[in-house]
Amino acid sequence: MVKEIRERIQGFALRLSSITTQIFDKVQCHLA
């Protein structure tokens, strides 16, 4: 049970970080 929750949190964190990176790249392109 705990393992399942931990894996779900890790997957969510990975997705969130990749989305954040994409947004950051777009913002940098606009500012450049």
PDB file of N, CA and C in Angstrom:
ATOM      1  N   MET A   1       0.839  -1.209   0.000  1.00  0.00           N
ATOM      2  CA  MET A   1       0.000   0.000   0.000  1.00  0.00           C
ATOM      3  C   MET A   1       0.873   1.258   0.000  1.00  0.00           C
ATOM      4  N   VAL A   2       1.808   1.307   0.963  1.00  0.00           N
ATOM      5  CA  VAL A   2       2.688   2.484   1.039  1.00  0.00           C
ATOM      6  C   VAL A   2       3.527   2.591  -0.238  1.00  0.00           C
ATOM      7  N   LYS A   3       3.974   1.438  -0.739  1.00  0.00           N
ATOM      8  CA  LYS A   3       4.790   1.418  -1.957  1.00  0.00           C
ATOM      9  C   LYS A   3       3.998   1.996  -3.129  1.00  0.00           C
ATOM     10  N   GLU A   4       2.726   1.612  -3.221  1.00  0.00           N
ATOM     11  CA  GLU A   4       1.865   2.097  -4.303  1.00  0.00           C
ATOM     12  C   GLU A   4       1.740   3.608  -4.264  1.00  0.00           C
ATOM     13  N   ILE A   5       1.499   4.145  -3.075  1.00  0.00           N
ATOM     14  CA  ILE A   5       1.338   5.599  -2.910  1.00  0.00           C
ATOM     15  C   ILE A   5       2.636   6.306  -3.293  1.00  0.00           C
ATOM     16  N   ARG A   6       3.755   5.729  -2.854  1.00  0.00           N
ATOM     17  CA  ARG A   6       5.057   6.348  -3.145  1.00  0.00           C
ATOM     18  C   ARG A   6       5.307   6.384  -4.655  1.00  0.00           C
ATOM     19  N   GLU A   7       4.985   5.293  -5.338  1.00  0.00           N
ATOM     20  CA  GLU A   7       5.178   5.243  -6.794  1.00  0.00           C
ATOM     21  C   GLU A   7       4.294   6.257  -7.493  1.00  0.00           C
ATOM     22  N   ARG A   8       3.059   6.398  -6.994  1.00  0.00           N
ATOM     23  CA  ARG A   8       2.130   7.349  -7.595  1.00  0.00           C
ATOM     24  C   ARG A   8       2.653   8.772  -7.419  1.00  0.00           C
ATOM     25  N   ILE A   9       3.174   9.069  -6.238  1.00  0.00           N
ATOM     26  CA  ILE A   9       3.715  10.411  -5.959  1.00  0.00           C
ATOM     27  C   ILE A   9       4.930  10.667  -6.856  1.00  0.00           C
ATOM     28  N   GLN A  10       5.783   9.652  -7.012  1.00  0.00           N
ATOM     29  CA  GLN A  10       6.970   9.811  -7.865  1.00  0.00           C
ATOM     30  C   GLN A  10       6.571  10.099  -9.308  1.00  0.00           C
ATOM     31  N   GLY A  11       5.587   9.354  -9.805  1.00  0.00           N
ATOM     32  CA  GLY A  11       5.122   9.548 -11.178  1.00  0.00           C
ATOM     33  C   GLY A  11       4.545  10.946 -11.361  1.00  0.00           C
ATOM     34  N   PHE A  12       3.778  11.389 -10.349  1.00  0.00           N
ATOM     35  CA  PHE A  12       3.180  12.722 -10.424  1.00  0.00           C
ATOM     36  C   PHE A  12       4.266  13.794 -10.402  1.00  0.00           C
ATOM     37  N   ALA A  13       5.280  13.602  -9.558  1.00  0.00           N
ATOM     38  CA  ALA A  13       6.377  14.564  -9.454  1.00  0.00           C
ATOM     39  C   ALA A  13       7.152  14.642 -10.774  1.00  0.00           C
ATOM     40  N   LEU A  14       7.370  13.494 -11.401  1.00  0.00           N
ATOM     41  CA  LEU A  14       8.093  13.467 -12.680  1.00  0.00           C
ATOM     42  C   LEU A  14       7.318  14.226 -13.753  1.00  0.00           C
ATOM     43  N   ARG A  15       6.008  13.968 -13.802  1.00  0.00           N
ATOM     44  CA  ARG A  15       5.174  14.637 -14.802  1.00  0.00           C
ATOM     45  C   ARG A  15       5.163  16.139 -14.549  1.00  0.00           C
ATOM     46  N   LEU A  16       5.041  16.510 -13.290  1.00  0.00           N
ATOM     47  CA  LEU A  16       4.984  17.927 -12.922  1.00  0.00           C
ATOM     48  C   LEU A  16       6.290  18.623 -13.295  1.00  0.00           C
ATOM     49  N   SER A  17       7.424  17.967 -13.022  1.00  0.00           N
ATOM     50  CA  SER A  17       8.719  18.584 -13.328  1.00  0.00           C
ATOM     51  C   SER A  17       8.908  18.754 -14.835  1.00  0.00           C
ATOM     52  N   SER A  18       8.450  17.770 -15.621  1.00  0.00           N
ATOM     53  CA  SER A  18       8.601  17.874 -17.082  1.00  0.00           C
ATOM     54  C   SER A  18       7.721  18.988 -17.634  1.00  0.00           C
ATOM     55  N   ILE A  19       6.503  19.117 -17.079  1.00  0.00           N
ATOM     56  CA  ILE A  19       5.598  20.188 -17.517  1.00  0.00           C
ATOM     57  C   ILE A  19       6.203  21.542 -17.150  1.00  0.00           C
ATOM     58  N   THR A  20       6.758  21.629 -15.941  1.00  0.00           N
ATOM     59  CA  THR A  20       7.364  22.881 -15.484  1.00  0.00           C
ATOM     60  C   THR A  20       8.535  23.252 -16.391  1.00  0.00           C
ATOM     61  N   THR A  21       9.324  22.262 -16.786  1.00  0.00           N
ATOM     62  CA  THR A  21      10.469  22.514 -17.670  1.00  0.00           C
ATOM     63  C   THR A  21       9.994  23.049 -19.013  1.00  0.00           C
ATOM     64  N   GLN A  22       8.922  22.449 -19.562  1.00  0.00           N
ATOM     65  CA  GLN A  22       8.395  22.901 -20.850  1.00  0.00           C
ATOM     66  C   GLN A  22       7.911  24.343 -20.760  1.00  0.00           C
ATOM     67  N   ILE A  23       7.199  24.668 -19.688  1.00  0.00           N
ATOM     68  CA  ILE A  23       6.687  26.036 -19.509  1.00  0.00           C
ATOM     69  C   ILE A  23       7.864  27.002 -19.388  1.00  0.00           C
ATOM     70  N   PHE A  24       8.892  26.604 -18.609  1.00  0.00           N
ATOM     71  CA  PHE A  24      10.052  27.461 -18.402  1.00  0.00           C
ATOM     72  C   PHE A  24      10.758  27.740 -19.725  1.00  0.00           C
ATOM     73  N   ASP A  25      10.884  26.696 -20.557  1.00  0.00           N
ATOM     74  CA  ASP A  25      11.519  26.867 -21.874  1.00  0.00           C
ATOM     75  C   ASP A  25      10.730  27.852 -22.725  1.00  0.00           C
ATOM     76  N   LYS A  26       9.398  27.740 -22.718  1.00  0.00           N
ATOM     77  CA  LYS A  26       8.564  28.646 -23.512  1.00  0.00           C
ATOM     78  C   LYS A  26       8.713  30.078 -23.027  1.00  0.00           C
ATOM     79  N   VAL A  27       8.745  30.265 -21.719  1.00  0.00           N
ATOM     80  CA  VAL A  27       8.881  31.610 -21.143  1.00  0.00           C
ATOM     81  C   VAL A  27      10.231  32.196 -21.552  1.00  0.00           C
ATOM     82  N   GLN A  28      11.288  31.385 -21.489  1.00  0.00           N
ATOM     83  CA  GLN A  28      12.618  31.870 -21.863  1.00  0.00           C
ATOM     84  C   GLN A  28      12.638  32.302 -23.322  1.00  0.00           C
ATOM     85  N   CYS A  29      11.980  31.528 -24.178  1.00  0.00           N
ATOM     86  CA  CYS A  29      11.930  31.867 -25.614  1.00  0.00           C
ATOM     87  C   CYS A  29      11.223  33.208 -25.806  1.00  0.00           C
ATOM     88  N   HIS A  30      10.160  33.441 -25.044  1.00  0.00           N
ATOM     89  CA  HIS A  30       9.420  34.705 -25.168  1.00  0.00           C
ATOM     90  C   HIS A  30      10.270  35.881 -24.675  1.00  0.00           C
ATOM     91  N   LEU A  31      11.032  35.665 -23.590  1.00  0.00           N
ATOM     92  CA  LEU A  31      11.825  36.753 -23.011  1.00  0.00           C
ATOM     93  C   LEU A  31      13.073  37.041 -23.840  1.00  0.00           C
ATOM     94  N   ALA A  32      13.592  36.009 -24.511  1.00  0.00           N
ATOM     95  CA  ALA A  32      14.839  36.189 -25.270  1.00  0.00           C
ATOM     96  C   ALA A  32      14.675  37.180 -26.422  1.00  0.00           C
TER      97      ALA A  32
END
